[in-house]
N, C-alpha and C. Protein backbone atom coordinates (compact mmCIF):
# COMPACT_ATOMS: atom_id res chain seq x y z
N MET A 1 9.11 -14.79 7.51
CA MET A 1 8.63 -13.59 8.16
C MET A 1 9.66 -12.48 7.99
N PRO A 2 9.19 -11.27 7.72
CA PRO A 2 10.12 -10.16 7.55
C PRO A 2 10.58 -9.57 8.89
N ILE A 3 11.70 -8.89 8.82
CA ILE A 3 12.21 -8.15 9.97
C ILE A 3 11.89 -6.68 9.75
N TYR A 4 11.15 -6.09 10.68
CA TYR A 4 10.78 -4.69 10.59
C TYR A 4 11.58 -3.88 11.61
N GLU A 5 11.76 -2.62 11.30
CA GLU A 5 12.49 -1.72 12.19
C GLU A 5 11.47 -0.73 12.79
N PHE A 6 11.52 -0.58 14.11
CA PHE A 6 10.59 0.29 14.81
C PHE A 6 11.35 1.31 15.65
N GLU A 7 10.66 2.41 15.96
CA GLU A 7 11.19 3.40 16.90
C GLU A 7 10.15 3.59 17.99
N CYS A 8 10.57 3.47 19.24
CA CYS A 8 9.68 3.64 20.38
C CYS A 8 9.32 5.12 20.52
N LYS A 9 8.02 5.42 20.64
CA LYS A 9 7.58 6.81 20.79
C LYS A 9 7.83 7.33 22.21
N LYS A 10 8.02 6.42 23.14
CA LYS A 10 8.20 6.82 24.54
C LYS A 10 9.67 7.12 24.86
N CYS A 11 10.58 6.20 24.44
CA CYS A 11 12.00 6.39 24.81
C CYS A 11 12.93 6.57 23.61
N ASP A 12 12.39 6.63 22.38
CA ASP A 12 13.15 6.87 21.14
C ASP A 12 14.16 5.78 20.78
N VAL A 13 14.04 4.60 21.35
CA VAL A 13 14.94 3.50 21.01
C VAL A 13 14.51 2.92 19.66
N VAL A 14 15.50 2.67 18.80
CA VAL A 14 15.24 2.02 17.51
C VAL A 14 15.58 0.54 17.67
N TYR A 15 14.66 -0.33 17.25
CA TYR A 15 14.86 -1.77 17.40
C TYR A 15 14.24 -2.51 16.22
N GLU A 16 14.66 -3.75 16.05
CA GLU A 16 14.15 -4.62 14.98
C GLU A 16 13.31 -5.72 15.60
N GLU A 17 12.31 -6.16 14.83
CA GLU A 17 11.46 -7.24 15.31
C GLU A 17 11.08 -8.14 14.14
N LEU A 18 11.19 -9.44 14.35
CA LEU A 18 10.78 -10.43 13.36
C LEU A 18 9.30 -10.71 13.60
N THR A 19 8.45 -10.24 12.71
CA THR A 19 7.01 -10.39 12.88
C THR A 19 6.31 -10.44 11.53
N SER A 20 5.14 -11.01 11.50
CA SER A 20 4.40 -11.09 10.24
C SER A 20 3.80 -9.73 9.89
N TYR A 21 3.46 -9.57 8.62
CA TYR A 21 2.90 -8.32 8.12
C TYR A 21 1.53 -8.07 8.74
N ASP A 22 1.29 -6.82 9.11
CA ASP A 22 0.01 -6.41 9.68
C ASP A 22 -0.57 -5.30 8.81
N LYS A 23 -1.72 -5.55 8.15
CA LYS A 23 -2.33 -4.56 7.27
C LYS A 23 -2.65 -3.26 7.99
N THR A 24 -2.99 -3.35 9.27
CA THR A 24 -3.32 -2.16 10.06
C THR A 24 -2.07 -1.40 10.49
N GLU A 25 -0.92 -2.03 10.36
CA GLU A 25 0.38 -1.48 10.75
C GLU A 25 0.44 -1.14 12.25
N LYS A 26 -0.33 -1.87 13.06
CA LYS A 26 -0.30 -1.66 14.51
C LYS A 26 0.68 -2.60 15.19
N TYR A 27 0.92 -3.78 14.61
CA TYR A 27 1.86 -4.77 15.13
C TYR A 27 1.69 -4.91 16.64
N LYS A 28 0.51 -5.37 17.04
CA LYS A 28 0.10 -5.43 18.45
C LYS A 28 1.04 -6.23 19.34
N GLY A 29 1.67 -7.27 18.82
CA GLY A 29 2.55 -8.10 19.64
C GLY A 29 3.95 -7.54 19.82
N VAL A 30 4.26 -6.42 19.20
CA VAL A 30 5.61 -5.84 19.25
C VAL A 30 5.66 -4.76 20.32
N GLU A 31 6.66 -4.87 21.19
CA GLU A 31 6.86 -3.85 22.21
C GLU A 31 8.33 -3.49 22.34
N CYS A 32 8.60 -2.33 22.86
CA CYS A 32 9.98 -1.83 23.01
C CYS A 32 10.77 -2.71 23.96
N PRO A 33 11.98 -3.12 23.54
CA PRO A 33 12.80 -3.96 24.42
C PRO A 33 13.36 -3.20 25.63
N GLU A 34 13.38 -1.87 25.56
CA GLU A 34 13.93 -1.07 26.67
C GLU A 34 12.88 -0.76 27.73
N CYS A 35 11.75 -0.17 27.29
CA CYS A 35 10.76 0.29 28.28
C CYS A 35 9.48 -0.53 28.27
N GLY A 36 9.31 -1.42 27.31
CA GLY A 36 8.12 -2.26 27.25
C GLY A 36 6.90 -1.60 26.64
N SER A 37 7.05 -0.37 26.16
CA SER A 37 5.93 0.36 25.57
C SER A 37 5.49 -0.28 24.25
N LYS A 38 4.19 -0.24 23.98
CA LYS A 38 3.68 -0.73 22.70
C LYS A 38 3.46 0.43 21.73
N SER A 39 3.76 1.64 22.16
CA SER A 39 3.64 2.83 21.31
C SER A 39 4.90 2.93 20.46
N LYS A 40 4.73 2.76 19.17
CA LYS A 40 5.90 2.70 18.29
C LYS A 40 5.57 3.28 16.93
N ARG A 41 6.61 3.51 16.16
CA ARG A 41 6.52 3.97 14.78
C ARG A 41 7.33 3.02 13.93
N LYS A 42 6.71 2.50 12.86
CA LYS A 42 7.44 1.60 11.95
C LYS A 42 8.28 2.46 11.03
N LEU A 43 9.56 2.14 10.94
CA LEU A 43 10.49 2.89 10.11
C LEU A 43 10.63 2.24 8.74
N VAL A 44 10.97 3.06 7.77
CA VAL A 44 11.27 2.54 6.44
C VAL A 44 12.76 2.22 6.45
N SER A 45 13.08 0.98 6.20
CA SER A 45 14.48 0.58 6.23
C SER A 45 14.86 -0.10 4.93
N SER A 46 16.13 -0.12 4.67
CA SER A 46 16.63 -0.74 3.44
C SER A 46 17.08 -2.17 3.75
N CYS A 47 17.29 -2.91 2.69
CA CYS A 47 17.78 -4.26 2.87
C CYS A 47 18.96 -4.49 1.94
N GLY A 48 19.81 -5.40 2.30
CA GLY A 48 20.95 -5.74 1.47
C GLY A 48 20.72 -7.07 0.78
N ILE A 49 21.06 -7.13 -0.48
CA ILE A 49 20.91 -8.36 -1.24
C ILE A 49 22.27 -8.76 -1.78
N SER A 50 22.59 -10.02 -1.63
CA SER A 50 23.87 -10.52 -2.12
C SER A 50 23.63 -11.76 -2.96
N PHE A 51 24.24 -11.80 -4.13
CA PHE A 51 24.11 -12.94 -5.01
C PHE A 51 25.42 -13.73 -5.00
N GLY A 52 25.31 -15.03 -4.93
CA GLY A 52 26.49 -15.87 -4.99
C GLY A 52 27.02 -15.94 -6.40
N ASN A 53 28.29 -16.20 -6.54
CA ASN A 53 28.90 -16.30 -7.86
C ASN A 53 29.18 -17.74 -8.21
N PRO A 54 28.68 -18.18 -9.37
CA PRO A 54 28.94 -19.53 -9.80
C PRO A 54 30.42 -19.79 -10.05
N LYS A 55 30.78 -21.04 -10.09
CA LYS A 55 32.15 -21.46 -10.31
C LYS A 55 32.72 -20.82 -11.57
N GLU A 56 33.94 -20.35 -11.50
CA GLU A 56 34.69 -19.76 -12.61
C GLU A 56 34.03 -18.54 -13.23
N SER A 57 33.29 -17.77 -12.46
CA SER A 57 32.75 -16.52 -12.98
C SER A 57 33.25 -15.39 -12.10
N SER A 58 33.29 -14.21 -12.67
CA SER A 58 33.78 -13.08 -11.89
C SER A 58 32.67 -12.56 -10.99
N LYS A 59 33.07 -11.80 -10.01
CA LYS A 59 32.12 -11.24 -9.06
C LYS A 59 31.15 -10.28 -9.75
N TRP A 60 31.62 -9.58 -10.75
CA TRP A 60 30.81 -8.53 -11.38
C TRP A 60 30.11 -8.99 -12.65
N ASP A 61 30.46 -10.15 -13.18
CA ASP A 61 29.86 -10.59 -14.43
C ASP A 61 29.57 -12.07 -14.39
N SER A 62 28.36 -12.43 -14.02
CA SER A 62 28.01 -13.84 -14.02
C SER A 62 27.40 -14.25 -15.36
N ARG A 63 27.45 -13.34 -16.35
CA ARG A 63 26.95 -13.65 -17.69
C ARG A 63 27.77 -14.79 -18.31
N SER A 64 29.05 -14.83 -18.00
CA SER A 64 29.89 -15.90 -18.53
C SER A 64 29.36 -17.27 -18.09
N TYR A 65 28.86 -17.35 -16.88
CA TYR A 65 28.27 -18.59 -16.39
C TYR A 65 26.97 -18.89 -17.12
N ARG A 66 26.10 -17.91 -17.19
CA ARG A 66 24.79 -18.13 -17.82
C ARG A 66 24.95 -18.49 -19.29
N ALA A 67 25.81 -17.78 -20.01
CA ALA A 67 25.96 -18.00 -21.44
C ALA A 67 26.77 -19.27 -21.73
N GLY A 68 27.74 -19.58 -20.91
CA GLY A 68 28.59 -20.73 -21.17
C GLY A 68 28.08 -22.01 -20.55
N HIS A 69 28.13 -22.08 -19.26
CA HIS A 69 27.77 -23.31 -18.54
C HIS A 69 26.33 -23.73 -18.80
N ASN A 70 25.40 -22.81 -18.65
CA ASN A 70 23.99 -23.17 -18.81
C ASN A 70 23.64 -23.49 -20.26
N HIS A 71 24.32 -22.85 -21.21
CA HIS A 71 24.03 -23.10 -22.62
C HIS A 71 24.38 -24.55 -22.98
N GLU A 72 25.53 -24.99 -22.56
CA GLU A 72 25.93 -26.38 -22.84
C GLU A 72 24.99 -27.36 -22.16
N ARG A 73 24.60 -27.05 -20.94
CA ARG A 73 23.67 -27.92 -20.23
C ARG A 73 22.32 -27.98 -20.95
N ALA A 74 21.84 -26.82 -21.41
CA ALA A 74 20.55 -26.77 -22.12
C ALA A 74 20.62 -27.55 -23.42
N LYS A 75 21.74 -27.43 -24.14
CA LYS A 75 21.88 -28.19 -25.38
C LYS A 75 21.88 -29.70 -25.10
N GLY A 76 22.52 -30.11 -24.03
CA GLY A 76 22.54 -31.51 -23.65
C GLY A 76 21.14 -32.01 -23.28
N GLU A 77 20.39 -31.20 -22.55
CA GLU A 77 19.03 -31.58 -22.19
C GLU A 77 18.15 -31.67 -23.43
N ARG A 78 18.36 -30.75 -24.39
CA ARG A 78 17.57 -30.81 -25.61
C ARG A 78 17.88 -32.07 -26.41
N ARG A 79 19.19 -32.41 -26.53
CA ARG A 79 19.56 -33.63 -27.26
C ARG A 79 18.93 -34.86 -26.60
N HIS A 80 18.95 -34.90 -25.28
CA HIS A 80 18.36 -36.01 -24.54
C HIS A 80 16.85 -36.08 -24.78
N ALA A 81 16.16 -34.93 -24.76
CA ALA A 81 14.72 -34.89 -24.98
C ALA A 81 14.37 -35.33 -26.40
N GLU A 82 15.17 -34.88 -27.38
CA GLU A 82 14.92 -35.27 -28.77
C GLU A 82 15.10 -36.77 -28.96
N ALA A 83 16.10 -37.33 -28.32
CA ALA A 83 16.35 -38.77 -28.44
C ALA A 83 15.23 -39.58 -27.80
N ALA A 84 14.67 -39.07 -26.71
CA ALA A 84 13.61 -39.79 -26.01
C ALA A 84 12.24 -39.58 -26.64
N SER A 85 12.11 -38.54 -27.46
CA SER A 85 10.81 -38.21 -28.04
C SER A 85 10.46 -39.10 -29.21
N HIS A 86 9.18 -39.42 -29.35
CA HIS A 86 8.72 -40.17 -30.51
C HIS A 86 8.65 -39.29 -31.76
N MET A 87 8.80 -37.97 -31.59
CA MET A 87 8.74 -37.04 -32.72
C MET A 87 10.11 -36.70 -33.26
N GLY A 88 11.17 -37.12 -32.59
CA GLY A 88 12.52 -36.84 -33.06
C GLY A 88 12.89 -35.38 -32.89
N THR A 89 13.61 -34.82 -33.85
CA THR A 89 14.09 -33.45 -33.74
C THR A 89 13.10 -32.43 -34.26
N ASN A 90 12.00 -32.84 -34.88
CA ASN A 90 11.01 -31.91 -35.43
C ASN A 90 9.67 -32.15 -34.74
N PRO A 91 9.35 -31.39 -33.69
CA PRO A 91 8.11 -31.62 -32.95
C PRO A 91 6.86 -31.17 -33.69
N TYR A 92 7.02 -30.50 -34.86
CA TYR A 92 5.86 -29.95 -35.58
C TYR A 92 5.45 -30.81 -36.76
N GLY A 93 5.97 -31.98 -36.86
CA GLY A 93 5.59 -32.86 -37.96
C GLY A 93 6.79 -33.24 -38.79
N GLY A 94 6.62 -34.13 -39.72
CA GLY A 94 7.75 -34.64 -40.49
C GLY A 94 7.98 -33.94 -41.81
N THR A 95 7.38 -32.77 -42.03
CA THR A 95 7.48 -32.13 -43.34
C THR A 95 8.56 -31.07 -43.44
N GLY A 96 9.35 -30.88 -42.43
CA GLY A 96 10.46 -29.92 -42.52
C GLY A 96 10.18 -28.64 -41.76
N ASP A 97 11.03 -27.64 -42.00
CA ASP A 97 10.95 -26.38 -41.27
C ASP A 97 9.98 -25.38 -41.87
N ASN A 98 9.25 -25.72 -42.92
CA ASN A 98 8.37 -24.75 -43.54
C ASN A 98 7.00 -24.67 -42.88
N LEU A 99 6.80 -25.33 -41.75
CA LEU A 99 5.53 -25.27 -41.05
C LEU A 99 5.68 -24.52 -39.74
N ASN A 100 4.66 -23.73 -39.41
CA ASN A 100 4.69 -23.08 -38.10
C ASN A 100 4.00 -23.97 -37.07
N VAL A 101 3.77 -23.47 -35.90
CA VAL A 101 3.23 -24.27 -34.81
C VAL A 101 1.85 -24.84 -35.15
N HIS A 102 1.06 -24.11 -35.90
CA HIS A 102 -0.30 -24.54 -36.19
C HIS A 102 -0.40 -25.42 -37.44
N GLY A 103 0.71 -25.67 -38.11
CA GLY A 103 0.71 -26.56 -39.24
C GLY A 103 0.47 -25.89 -40.57
N SER A 104 0.29 -24.58 -40.63
CA SER A 104 0.10 -23.92 -41.91
C SER A 104 1.45 -23.44 -42.44
N GLU A 105 1.53 -23.23 -43.75
CA GLU A 105 2.79 -22.80 -44.35
C GLU A 105 3.05 -21.34 -44.08
N HIS A 106 4.36 -20.99 -43.97
CA HIS A 106 4.76 -19.58 -43.82
C HIS A 106 4.64 -18.91 -45.18
N ILE A 107 4.29 -17.67 -45.18
CA ILE A 107 4.19 -16.90 -46.41
C ILE A 107 5.37 -15.97 -46.51
N GLU A 108 6.14 -16.05 -47.57
CA GLU A 108 7.30 -15.18 -47.80
C GLU A 108 6.80 -13.84 -48.31
N LEU A 109 7.27 -12.76 -47.72
CA LEU A 109 6.88 -11.41 -48.18
C LEU A 109 7.99 -10.78 -48.95
């Protein structure tokens, strides 16, 4: 559930409320914590987003993690999948790299 920010029309108090989205934007269950009024205005508020940094990567550049750590892991998973597959390293047939996905030959231009 999102947290919305409201302003009371009666006493001008700004408050936050954890409530589900209301298409009518009336938010009937929300009332002012100060005066109890249900007369309110929903405010447009910003949110902060924070991303965690993987091991041995800088705060500003997690590309080193994606390109290094994940690449080696992906290569290992591919080797494992190829070893377990009945098709080996060529999933498109045993005729080599000159076939595309549909089995027809590539045309050199």
